[in-house]
PDB file of all heavy atoms in Angstrom:
ATOM      1  N   HIS A   1      59.961 -20.783 -28.247  1.00  0.00           N
ATOM      2  CA  HIS A   1      59.012 -21.846 -28.739  1.00  0.00           C
ATOM      3  C   HIS A   1      59.732 -22.802 -29.642  1.00  0.00           C
ATOM      4  O   HIS A   1      59.457 -23.997 -29.639  1.00  0.00           O
ATOM      5  CB  HIS A   1      57.785 -21.237 -29.241  1.00  0.00           C
ATOM      6  CG  HIS A   1      57.020 -20.517 -28.269  1.00  0.00           C
ATOM      7  ND1 HIS A   1      56.283 -21.087 -27.285  1.00  0.00           N
ATOM      8  CD2 HIS A   1      56.888 -19.193 -28.143  1.00  0.00           C
ATOM      9  CE1 HIS A   1      55.636 -20.206 -26.558  1.00  0.00           C
ATOM     10  NE2 HIS A   1      56.059 -18.962 -27.064  1.00  0.00           N
ATOM     11  N   GLY A   2      60.697 -22.246 -30.432  1.00  0.00           N
ATOM     12  CA  GLY A   2      61.440 -23.085 -31.316  1.00  0.00           C
ATOM     13  C   GLY A   2      62.269 -24.093 -30.586  1.00  0.00           C
ATOM     14  O   GLY A   2      62.338 -25.322 -30.898  1.00  0.00           O
ATOM     15  N   HIS A   3      62.965 -23.664 -29.458  1.00  0.00           N
ATOM     16  CA  HIS A   3      63.807 -24.544 -28.619  1.00  0.00           C
ATOM     17  C   HIS A   3      62.958 -25.608 -27.972  1.00  0.00           C
ATOM     18  O   HIS A   3      63.235 -26.804 -28.000  1.00  0.00           O
ATOM     19  CB  HIS A   3      64.567 -23.719 -27.595  1.00  0.00           C
ATOM     20  CG  HIS A   3      65.381 -24.545 -26.672  1.00  0.00           C
ATOM     21  ND1 HIS A   3      66.540 -24.989 -26.976  1.00  0.00           N
ATOM     22  CD2 HIS A   3      65.063 -24.992 -25.460  1.00  0.00           C
ATOM     23  CE1 HIS A   3      67.097 -25.710 -25.909  1.00  0.00           C
ATOM     24  NE2 HIS A   3      66.117 -25.694 -25.008  1.00  0.00           N
ATOM     25  N   TRP A   4      61.876 -25.145 -27.375  1.00  0.00           N
ATOM     26  CA  TRP A   4      60.943 -26.090 -26.704  1.00  0.00           C
ATOM     27  C   TRP A   4      60.416 -27.128 -27.585  1.00  0.00           C
ATOM     28  O   TRP A   4      60.284 -28.335 -27.339  1.00  0.00           O
ATOM     29  CB  TRP A   4      59.802 -25.339 -25.981  1.00  0.00           C
ATOM     30  CG  TRP A   4      60.223 -24.627 -24.776  1.00  0.00           C
ATOM     31  CD1 TRP A   4      61.364 -24.781 -24.047  1.00  0.00           C
ATOM     32  CD2 TRP A   4      59.538 -23.593 -24.129  1.00  0.00           C
ATOM     33  NE1 TRP A   4      61.379 -23.910 -22.955  1.00  0.00           N
ATOM     34  CE2 TRP A   4      60.284 -23.189 -22.971  1.00  0.00           C
ATOM     35  CE3 TRP A   4      58.229 -23.038 -24.324  1.00  0.00           C
ATOM     36  CZ2 TRP A   4      59.778 -22.257 -22.075  1.00  0.00           C
ATOM     37  CZ3 TRP A   4      57.877 -21.996 -23.467  1.00  0.00           C
ATOM     38  CH2 TRP A   4      58.580 -21.655 -22.325  1.00  0.00           C
ATOM     39  N   CYS A   5      59.962 -26.693 -28.750  1.00  0.00           N
ATOM     40  CA  CYS A   5      59.358 -27.629 -29.807  1.00  0.00           C
ATOM     41  C   CYS A   5      60.406 -28.652 -30.140  1.00  0.00           C
ATOM     42  O   CYS A   5      60.124 -29.878 -30.314  1.00  0.00           O
ATOM     43  CB  CYS A   5      58.820 -26.841 -30.998  1.00  0.00           C
ATOM     44  SG  CYS A   5      58.073 -27.917 -32.217  1.00  0.00           S
ATOM     45  N   TYR A   6      61.648 -28.184 -30.414  1.00  0.00           N
ATOM     46  CA  TYR A   6      62.737 -29.109 -30.890  1.00  0.00           C
ATOM     47  C   TYR A   6      63.021 -30.182 -29.778  1.00  0.00           C
ATOM     48  O   TYR A   6      63.065 -31.361 -30.091  1.00  0.00           O
ATOM     49  CB  TYR A   6      63.953 -28.320 -31.270  1.00  0.00           C
ATOM     50  CG  TYR A   6      64.963 -29.134 -31.942  1.00  0.00           C
ATOM     51  CD1 TYR A   6      64.925 -29.281 -33.322  1.00  0.00           C
ATOM     52  CD2 TYR A   6      65.980 -29.712 -31.289  1.00  0.00           C
ATOM     53  CE1 TYR A   6      65.847 -30.019 -34.052  1.00  0.00           C
ATOM     54  CE2 TYR A   6      66.947 -30.489 -31.973  1.00  0.00           C
ATOM     55  CZ  TYR A   6      66.894 -30.652 -33.307  1.00  0.00           C
ATOM     56  OH  TYR A   6      67.827 -31.376 -33.990  1.00  0.00           O
ATOM     57  N   ALA A   7      63.078 -29.688 -28.572  1.00  0.00           N
ATOM     58  CA  ALA A   7      63.369 -30.563 -27.419  1.00  0.00           C
ATOM     59  C   ALA A   7      62.231 -31.606 -27.220  1.00  0.00           C
ATOM     60  O   ALA A   7      62.469 -32.792 -27.076  1.00  0.00           O
ATOM     61  CB  ALA A   7      63.588 -29.806 -26.172  1.00  0.00           C
ATOM     62  N   ARG A   8      60.957 -31.130 -27.326  1.00  0.00           N
ATOM     63  CA  ARG A   8      59.852 -32.042 -27.127  1.00  0.00           C
ATOM     64  C   ARG A   8      59.773 -33.113 -28.228  1.00  0.00           C
ATOM     65  O   ARG A   8      59.419 -34.259 -27.938  1.00  0.00           O
ATOM     66  CB  ARG A   8      58.540 -31.191 -27.102  1.00  0.00           C
ATOM     67  CG  ARG A   8      58.360 -30.414 -25.949  1.00  0.00           C
ATOM     68  CD  ARG A   8      57.113 -29.550 -25.965  1.00  0.00           C
ATOM     69  NE  ARG A   8      57.093 -28.619 -24.863  1.00  0.00           N
ATOM     70  CZ  ARG A   8      56.570 -27.413 -24.993  1.00  0.00           C
ATOM     71  NH1 ARG A   8      56.041 -26.969 -26.088  1.00  0.00           N
ATOM     72  NH2 ARG A   8      56.486 -26.537 -23.926  1.00  0.00           N
ATOM     73  N   LEU A   9      59.959 -32.593 -29.474  1.00  0.00           N
ATOM     74  CA  LEU A   9      59.853 -33.609 -30.587  1.00  0.00           C
ATOM     75  C   LEU A   9      60.967 -34.659 -30.520  1.00  0.00           C
ATOM     76  O   LEU A   9      60.723 -35.844 -30.832  1.00  0.00           O
ATOM     77  CB  LEU A   9      59.993 -32.818 -31.910  1.00  0.00           C
ATOM     78  CG  LEU A   9      58.713 -32.103 -32.387  1.00  0.00           C
ATOM     79  CD1 LEU A   9      59.023 -31.303 -33.642  1.00  0.00           C
ATOM     80  CD2 LEU A   9      57.623 -33.056 -32.583  1.00  0.00           C
ATOM     81  N   SER A  10      62.171 -34.227 -30.132  1.00  0.00           N
ATOM     82  CA  SER A  10      63.224 -35.219 -30.054  1.00  0.00           C
ATOM     83  C   SER A  10      62.896 -36.257 -28.924  1.00  0.00           C
ATOM     84  O   SER A  10      63.103 -37.483 -29.072  1.00  0.00           O
ATOM     85  CB  SER A  10      64.575 -34.582 -29.742  1.00  0.00           C
ATOM     86  OG  SER A  10      64.559 -33.858 -28.578  1.00  0.00           O
ATOM     87  N   LYS A  11      62.294 -35.855 -27.804  1.00  0.00           N
ATOM     88  CA  LYS A  11      61.981 -36.747 -26.738  1.00  0.00           C
ATOM     89  C   LYS A  11      60.867 -37.689 -27.180  1.00  0.00           C
ATOM     90  O   LYS A  11      60.792 -38.844 -26.860  1.00  0.00           O
ATOM     91  CB  LYS A  11      61.633 -36.000 -25.521  1.00  0.00           C
ATOM     92  CG  LYS A  11      62.862 -35.339 -24.804  1.00  0.00           C
ATOM     93  CD  LYS A  11      62.377 -34.587 -23.578  1.00  0.00           C
ATOM     94  CE  LYS A  11      63.591 -33.915 -22.947  1.00  0.00           C
ATOM     95  NZ  LYS A  11      63.191 -33.062 -21.849  1.00  0.00           N
ATOM     96  N   MET A  12      59.856 -37.079 -27.951  1.00  0.00           N
ATOM     97  CA  MET A  12      58.757 -37.864 -28.340  1.00  0.00           C
ATOM     98  C   MET A  12      59.080 -38.931 -29.362  1.00  0.00           C
ATOM     99  O   MET A  12      58.568 -40.049 -29.367  1.00  0.00           O
ATOM    100  CB  MET A  12      57.620 -37.001 -28.866  1.00  0.00           C
ATOM    101  CG  MET A  12      56.875 -36.245 -27.814  1.00  0.00           C
ATOM    102  SD  MET A  12      56.409 -37.126 -26.298  1.00  0.00           S
ATOM    103  CE  MET A  12      55.346 -38.404 -26.980  1.00  0.00           C
ATOM    104  N   VAL A  13      60.041 -38.670 -30.264  1.00  0.00           N
ATOM    105  CA  VAL A  13      60.571 -39.651 -31.195  1.00  0.00           C
ATOM    106  C   VAL A  13      61.119 -40.834 -30.445  1.00  0.00           C
ATOM    107  O   VAL A  13      60.885 -42.015 -30.773  1.00  0.00           O
ATOM    108  CB  VAL A  13      61.582 -39.069 -32.159  1.00  0.00           C
ATOM    109  CG1 VAL A  13      62.262 -40.115 -32.973  1.00  0.00           C
ATOM    110  CG2 VAL A  13      60.764 -38.112 -33.183  1.00  0.00           C
ATOM    111  N   ILE A  14      61.961 -40.566 -29.461  1.00  0.00           N
ATOM    112  CA  ILE A  14      62.590 -41.605 -28.655  1.00  0.00           C
ATOM    113  C   ILE A  14      61.530 -42.416 -27.994  1.00  0.00           C
ATOM    114  O   ILE A  14      61.555 -43.644 -27.925  1.00  0.00           O
ATOM    115  CB  ILE A  14      63.627 -40.923 -27.711  1.00  0.00           C
ATOM    116  CG1 ILE A  14      64.786 -40.477 -28.453  1.00  0.00           C
ATOM    117  CG2 ILE A  14      64.071 -42.112 -26.728  1.00  0.00           C
ATOM    118  CD1 ILE A  14      65.733 -39.660 -27.651  1.00  0.00           C
ATOM    119  N   TYR A  15      60.487 -41.730 -27.420  1.00  0.00           N
ATOM    120  CA  TYR A  15      59.386 -42.406 -26.699  1.00  0.00           C
ATOM    121  C   TYR A  15      58.701 -43.342 -27.683  1.00  0.00           C
ATOM    122  O   TYR A  15      58.335 -44.461 -27.380  1.00  0.00           O
ATOM    123  CB  TYR A  15      58.448 -41.333 -26.117  1.00  0.00           C
ATOM    124  CG  TYR A  15      57.218 -41.999 -25.586  1.00  0.00           C
ATOM    125  CD1 TYR A  15      57.239 -42.719 -24.429  1.00  0.00           C
ATOM    126  CD2 TYR A  15      56.040 -41.858 -26.301  1.00  0.00           C
ATOM    127  CE1 TYR A  15      56.055 -43.267 -23.889  1.00  0.00           C
ATOM    128  CE2 TYR A  15      54.886 -42.513 -25.852  1.00  0.00           C
ATOM    129  CZ  TYR A  15      54.919 -43.244 -24.628  1.00  0.00           C
ATOM    130  OH  TYR A  15      53.764 -43.816 -24.213  1.00  0.00           O
ATOM    131  N   PHE A  16      58.380 -42.920 -28.864  1.00  0.00           N
ATOM    132  CA  PHE A  16      57.539 -43.770 -29.773  1.00  0.00           C
ATOM    133  C   PHE A  16      58.376 -44.966 -30.239  1.00  0.00           C
ATOM    134  O   PHE A  16      57.835 -46.048 -30.416  1.00  0.00           O
ATOM    135  CB  PHE A  16      57.084 -42.866 -30.990  1.00  0.00           C
ATOM    136  CG  PHE A  16      55.935 -42.002 -30.688  1.00  0.00           C
ATOM    137  CD1 PHE A  16      55.910 -40.711 -30.879  1.00  0.00           C
ATOM    138  CD2 PHE A  16      54.765 -42.618 -30.181  1.00  0.00           C
ATOM    139  CE1 PHE A  16      54.918 -39.939 -30.572  1.00  0.00           C
ATOM    140  CE2 PHE A  16      53.657 -41.868 -29.868  1.00  0.00           C
ATOM    141  CZ  PHE A  16      53.673 -40.412 -30.025  1.00  0.00           C
ATOM    142  N   PHE A  17      59.663 -44.745 -30.404  1.00  0.00           N
ATOM    143  CA  PHE A  17      60.508 -45.928 -30.682  1.00  0.00           C
ATOM    144  C   PHE A  17      60.476 -46.931 -29.564  1.00  0.00           C
ATOM    145  O   PHE A  17      60.330 -48.150 -29.792  1.00  0.00           O
ATOM    146  CB  PHE A  17      61.893 -45.535 -31.024  1.00  0.00           C
ATOM    147  CG  PHE A  17      62.243 -45.121 -32.391  1.00  0.00           C
ATOM    148  CD1 PHE A  17      62.758 -43.851 -32.677  1.00  0.00           C
ATOM    149  CD2 PHE A  17      61.954 -46.010 -33.497  1.00  0.00           C
ATOM    150  CE1 PHE A  17      62.978 -43.488 -34.009  1.00  0.00           C
ATOM    151  CE2 PHE A  17      62.206 -45.481 -34.774  1.00  0.00           C
ATOM    152  CZ  PHE A  17      62.723 -44.297 -35.050  1.00  0.00           C
ATOM    153  N   TYR A  18      60.604 -46.500 -28.385  1.00  0.00           N
ATOM    154  CA  TYR A  18      60.567 -47.298 -27.119  1.00  0.00           C
ATOM    155  C   TYR A  18      59.308 -48.033 -27.037  1.00  0.00           C
ATOM    156  O   TYR A  18      59.245 -49.290 -26.796  1.00  0.00           O
ATOM    157  CB  TYR A  18      60.826 -46.487 -25.938  1.00  0.00           C
ATOM    158  CG  TYR A  18      60.670 -47.248 -24.644  1.00  0.00           C
ATOM    159  CD1 TYR A  18      61.597 -48.101 -24.182  1.00  0.00           C
ATOM    160  CD2 TYR A  18      59.585 -46.958 -23.767  1.00  0.00           C
ATOM    161  CE1 TYR A  18      61.452 -48.798 -23.039  1.00  0.00           C
ATOM    162  CE2 TYR A  18      59.398 -47.626 -22.647  1.00  0.00           C
ATOM    163  CZ  TYR A  18      60.351 -48.620 -22.228  1.00  0.00           C
ATOM    164  OH  TYR A  18      60.174 -49.232 -21.059  1.00  0.00           O
ATOM    165  N   LYS A  19      58.143 -47.305 -27.163  1.00  0.00           N
ATOM    166  CA  LYS A  19      56.814 -47.909 -27.091  1.00  0.00           C
ATOM    167  C   LYS A  19      56.643 -48.981 -28.193  1.00  0.00           C
ATOM    168  O   LYS A  19      56.152 -50.064 -27.862  1.00  0.00           O
ATOM    169  CB  LYS A  19      55.719 -46.898 -27.239  1.00  0.00           C
ATOM    170  CG  LYS A  19      54.335 -47.427 -27.183  1.00  0.00           C
ATOM    171  CD  LYS A  19      53.367 -46.374 -27.590  1.00  0.00           C
ATOM    172  CE  LYS A  19      53.277 -46.198 -29.114  1.00  0.00           C
ATOM    173  NZ  LYS A  19      52.516 -47.136 -29.843  1.00  0.00           N
ATOM    174  N   ASN A  20      57.007 -48.777 -29.369  1.00  0.00           N
ATOM    175  CA  ASN A  20      56.737 -49.731 -30.491  1.00  0.00           C
ATOM    176  C   ASN A  20      57.727 -50.891 -30.344  1.00  0.00           C
ATOM    177  O   ASN A  20      57.327 -52.061 -30.653  1.00  0.00           O
ATOM    178  CB  ASN A  20      56.914 -49.072 -31.786  1.00  0.00           C
ATOM    179  CG  ASN A  20      55.813 -48.132 -32.102  1.00  0.00           C
ATOM    180  OD1 ASN A  20      54.656 -48.375 -31.665  1.00  0.00           O
ATOM    181  ND2 ASN A  20      56.074 -47.001 -32.717  1.00  0.00           N
ATOM    182  N   VAL A  21      58.917 -50.697 -29.880  1.00  0.00           N
ATOM    183  CA  VAL A  21      59.816 -51.784 -29.750  1.00  0.00           C
ATOM    184  C   VAL A  21      59.309 -52.730 -28.603  1.00  0.00           C
ATOM    185  O   VAL A  21      59.355 -54.004 -28.802  1.00  0.00           O
ATOM    186  CB  VAL A  21      61.310 -51.253 -29.396  1.00  0.00           C
ATOM    187  CG1 VAL A  21      62.156 -52.430 -28.823  1.00  0.00           C
ATOM    188  CG2 VAL A  21      61.892 -50.718 -30.714  1.00  0.00           C
ATOM    189  N   CYS A  22      58.844 -52.064 -27.577  1.00  0.00           N
ATOM    190  CA  CYS A  22      58.274 -52.945 -26.391  1.00  0.00           C
ATOM    191  C   CYS A  22      57.083 -53.766 -26.935  1.00  0.00           C
ATOM    192  O   CYS A  22      56.995 -54.929 -26.593  1.00  0.00           O
ATOM    193  CB  CYS A  22      57.917 -52.054 -25.240  1.00  0.00           C
ATOM    194  SG  CYS A  22      59.254 -51.424 -24.332  1.00  0.00           S
ATOM    195  N   TYR A  23      56.263 -53.138 -27.567  1.00  0.00           N
ATOM    196  CA  TYR A  23      55.007 -53.845 -28.043  1.00  0.00           C
ATOM    197  C   TYR A  23      55.328 -54.947 -29.051  1.00  0.00           C
ATOM    198  O   TYR A  23      54.857 -56.145 -28.966  1.00  0.00           O
ATOM    199  CB  TYR A  23      54.028 -52.842 -28.669  1.00  0.00           C
ATOM    200  CG  TYR A  23      52.688 -53.489 -28.954  1.00  0.00           C
ATOM    201  CD1 TYR A  23      51.874 -53.866 -27.871  1.00  0.00           C
ATOM    202  CD2 TYR A  23      52.149 -53.642 -30.190  1.00  0.00           C
ATOM    203  CE1 TYR A  23      50.596 -54.437 -28.085  1.00  0.00           C
ATOM    204  CE2 TYR A  23      51.018 -54.205 -30.468  1.00  0.00           C
ATOM    205  CZ  TYR A  23      50.182 -54.630 -29.429  1.00  0.00           C
ATOM    206  OH  TYR A  23      48.961 -55.204 -29.629  1.00  0.00           O
ATOM    207  N   VAL A  24      56.147 -54.685 -30.053  1.00  0.00           N
ATOM    208  CA  VAL A  24      56.536 -55.712 -31.036  1.00  0.00           C
ATOM    209  C   VAL A  24      57.353 -56.767 -30.454  1.00  0.00           C
ATOM    210  O   VAL A  24      57.171 -58.013 -30.733  1.00  0.00           O
ATOM    211  CB  VAL A  24      57.310 -55.016 -32.227  1.00  0.00           C
ATOM    212  CG1 VAL A  24      57.869 -56.050 -33.176  1.00  0.00           C
ATOM    213  CG2 VAL A  24      56.355 -54.099 -33.006  1.00  0.00           C
ATOM    214  N   ASN A  25      58.134 -56.522 -29.465  1.00  0.00           N
ATOM    215  CA  ASN A  25      58.966 -57.473 -28.730  1.00  0.00           C
ATOM    216  C   ASN A  25      58.000 -58.465 -28.006  1.00  0.00           C
ATOM    217  O   ASN A  25      58.216 -59.672 -28.063  1.00  0.00           O
ATOM    218  CB  ASN A  25      59.901 -56.769 -27.743  1.00  0.00           C
ATOM    219  CG  ASN A  25      61.050 -57.690 -27.379  1.00  0.00           C
ATOM    220  OD1 ASN A  25      61.268 -58.698 -27.967  1.00  0.00           O
ATOM    221  ND2 ASN A  25      61.780 -57.324 -26.351  1.00  0.00           N
ATOM    222  N   LEU A  26      56.914 -57.908 -27.359  1.00  0.00           N
ATOM    223  CA  LEU A  26      56.021 -58.804 -26.703  1.00  0.00           C
ATOM    224  C   LEU A  26      55.315 -59.717 -27.803  1.00  0.00           C
ATOM    225  O   LEU A  26      55.162 -60.969 -27.504  1.00  0.00           O
ATOM    226  CB  LEU A  26      54.923 -57.983 -26.013  1.00  0.00           C
ATOM    227  CG  LEU A  26      55.318 -57.320 -24.671  1.00  0.00           C
ATOM    228  CD1 LEU A  26      54.255 -56.416 -24.221  1.00  0.00           C
ATOM    229  CD2 LEU A  26      55.627 -58.412 -23.658  1.00  0.00           C
ATOM    230  N   LEU A  27      54.887 -59.121 -28.886  1.00  0.00           N
ATOM    231  CA  LEU A  27      54.233 -60.050 -29.862  1.00  0.00           C
ATOM    232  C   LEU A  27      55.206 -61.082 -30.405  1.00  0.00           C
ATOM    233  O   LEU A  27      54.778 -62.238 -30.734  1.00  0.00           O
ATOM    234  CB  LEU A  27      53.698 -59.139 -31.034  1.00  0.00           C
ATOM    235  CG  LEU A  27      52.588 -58.213 -30.690  1.00  0.00           C
ATOM    236  CD1 LEU A  27      52.265 -57.324 -31.873  1.00  0.00           C
ATOM    237  CD2 LEU A  27      51.331 -58.941 -30.278  1.00  0.00           C
ATOM    238  N   PHE A  28      56.409 -60.687 -30.637  1.00  0.00           N
ATOM    239  CA  PHE A  28      57.458 -61.671 -31.148  1.00  0.00           C
ATOM    240  C   PHE A  28      57.607 -62.839 -30.227  1.00  0.00           C
ATOM    241  O   PHE A  28      57.582 -63.978 -30.622  1.00  0.00           O
ATOM    242  CB  PHE A  28      58.771 -60.920 -31.401  1.00  0.00           C
ATOM    243  CG  PHE A  28      59.928 -61.831 -31.832  1.00  0.00           C
ATOM    244  CD1 PHE A  28      59.908 -62.300 -33.124  1.00  0.00           C
ATOM    245  CD2 PHE A  28      60.878 -62.191 -30.936  1.00  0.00           C
ATOM    246  CE1 PHE A  28      60.990 -63.086 -33.563  1.00  0.00           C
ATOM    247  CE2 PHE A  28      61.966 -62.967 -31.357  1.00  0.00           C
ATOM    248  CZ  PHE A  28      62.008 -63.468 -32.641  1.00  0.00           C
ATOM    249  N   TRP A  29      57.806 -62.566 -28.954  1.00  0.00           N
ATOM    250  CA  TRP A  29      58.078 -63.636 -27.940  1.00  0.00           C
ATOM    251  C   TRP A  29      56.817 -64.422 -27.731  1.00  0.00           C
ATOM    252  O   TRP A  29      56.909 -65.637 -27.339  1.00  0.00           O
ATOM    253  CB  TRP A  29      58.674 -63.109 -26.645  1.00  0.00           C
ATOM    254  CG  TRP A  29      60.105 -62.685 -26.886  1.00  0.00           C
ATOM    255  CD1 TRP A  29      60.526 -61.357 -26.851  1.00  0.00           C
ATOM    256  CD2 TRP A  29      61.232 -63.482 -27.153  1.00  0.00           C
ATOM    257  NE1 TRP A  29      61.927 -61.371 -27.154  1.00  0.00           N
ATOM    258  CE2 TRP A  29      62.348 -62.708 -27.311  1.00  0.00           C
ATOM    259  CE3 TRP A  29      61.396 -64.892 -27.273  1.00  0.00           C
ATOM    260  CZ2 TRP A  29      63.604 -63.175 -27.659  1.00  0.00           C
ATOM    261  CZ3 TRP A  29      62.673 -65.389 -27.683  1.00  0.00           C
ATOM    262  CH2 TRP A  29      63.735 -64.557 -27.829  1.00  0.00           C
ATOM    263  N   TYR A  30      55.674 -63.852 -27.826  1.00  0.00           N
ATOM    264  CA  TYR A  30      54.362 -64.541 -27.638  1.00  0.00           C
ATOM    265  C   TYR A  30      54.261 -65.626 -28.784  1.00  0.00           C
ATOM    266  O   TYR A  30      53.661 -66.707 -28.504  1.00  0.00           O
ATOM    267  CB  TYR A  30      53.247 -63.572 -27.621  1.00  0.00           C
ATOM    268  CG  TYR A  30      51.905 -64.271 -27.444  1.00  0.00           C
ATOM    269  CD1 TYR A  30      51.495 -64.843 -26.296  1.00  0.00           C
ATOM    270  CD2 TYR A  30      51.056 -64.524 -28.619  1.00  0.00           C
ATOM    271  CE1 TYR A  30      50.325 -65.470 -26.132  1.00  0.00           C
ATOM    272  CE2 TYR A  30      49.817 -65.181 -28.485  1.00  0.00           C
ATOM    273  CZ  TYR A  30      49.504 -65.628 -27.219  1.00  0.00           C
ATOM    274  OH  TYR A  30      48.310 -66.366 -27.112  1.00  0.00           O
ATOM    275  N   GLN A  31      54.730 -65.396 -29.966  1.00  0.00           N
ATOM    276  CA  GLN A  31      54.601 -66.359 -30.999  1.00  0.00           C
ATOM    277  C   GLN A  31      55.442 -67.585 -30.698  1.00  0.00           C
ATOM    278  O   GLN A  31      54.980 -68.673 -31.072  1.00  0.00           O
ATOM    279  CB  GLN A  31      55.113 -65.700 -32.333  1.00  0.00           C
ATOM    280  CG  GLN A  31      54.117 -64.716 -32.944  1.00  0.00           C
ATOM    281  CD  GLN A  31      52.690 -65.237 -33.021  1.00  0.00           C
ATOM    282  OE1 GLN A  31      52.490 -66.312 -33.482  1.00  0.00           O
ATOM    283  NE2 GLN A  31      51.846 -64.418 -32.511  1.00  0.00           N
ATOM    284  N   PHE A  32      56.588 -67.430 -29.939  1.00  0.00           N
ATOM    285  CA  PHE A  32      57.268 -68.644 -29.557  1.00  0.00           C
ATOM    286  C   PHE A  32      56.514 -69.406 -28.529  1.00  0.00           C
ATOM    287  O   PHE A  32      56.427 -70.610 -28.488  1.00  0.00           O
ATOM    288  CB  PHE A  32      58.643 -68.250 -28.983  1.00  0.00           C
ATOM    289  CG  PHE A  32      59.717 -67.896 -30.006  1.00  0.00           C
ATOM    290  CD1 PHE A  32      60.042 -66.582 -30.142  1.00  0.00           C
ATOM    291  CD2 PHE A  32      60.198 -68.879 -30.774  1.00  0.00           C
ATOM    292  CE1 PHE A  32      60.938 -66.269 -31.137  1.00  0.00           C
ATOM    293  CE2 PHE A  32      61.188 -68.501 -31.716  1.00  0.00           C
ATOM    294  CZ  PHE A  32      61.532 -67.242 -31.922  1.00  0.00           C
ATOM    295  N   PHE A  33      55.808 -68.675 -27.633  1.00  0.00           N
ATOM    296  CA  PHE A  33      55.055 -69.329 -26.509  1.00  0.00           C
ATOM    297  C   PHE A  33      53.800 -70.091 -27.075  1.00  0.00           C
ATOM    298  O   PHE A  33      53.524 -71.141 -26.580  1.00  0.00           O
ATOM    299  CB  PHE A  33      54.561 -68.127 -25.544  1.00  0.00           C
ATOM    300  CG  PHE A  33      53.676 -68.699 -24.448  1.00  0.00           C
ATOM    301  CD1 PHE A  33      54.227 -69.420 -23.408  1.00  0.00           C
ATOM    302  CD2 PHE A  33      52.289 -68.453 -24.441  1.00  0.00           C
ATOM    303  CE1 PHE A  33      53.440 -69.842 -22.384  1.00  0.00           C
ATOM    304  CE2 PHE A  33      51.514 -68.853 -23.445  1.00  0.00           C
ATOM    305  CZ  PHE A  33      52.083 -69.628 -22.401  1.00  0.00           C
ATOM    306  N   CYS A  34      53.159 -69.540 -28.075  1.00  0.00           N
ATOM    307  CA  CYS A  34      51.961 -70.195 -28.609  1.00  0.00           C
ATOM    308  C   CYS A  34      52.254 -71.069 -29.881  1.00  0.00           C
ATOM    309  O   CYS A  34      51.383 -71.585 -30.412  1.00  0.00           O
ATOM    310  CB  CYS A  34      50.914 -69.218 -28.996  1.00  0.00           C
ATOM    311  SG  CYS A  34      51.286 -68.240 -30.479  1.00  0.00           S
ATOM    312  N   GLY A  35      53.450 -71.323 -30.124  1.00  0.00           N
ATOM    313  CA  GLY A  35      53.879 -72.278 -31.164  1.00  0.00           C
ATOM    314  C   GLY A  35      53.607 -71.753 -32.571  1.00  0.00           C
ATOM    315  O   GLY A  35      53.263 -72.524 -33.453  1.00  0.00           O
TER     316      GLY A  35
END
């Protein structure tokens, strides 16, 4: 369970970075679009 927990947590940290970068990137480029 220690190995599985460590592997899951490391994958989820990467996932949350990816999700937040995608969402913030959309908001950033939308601000250029709407002036």
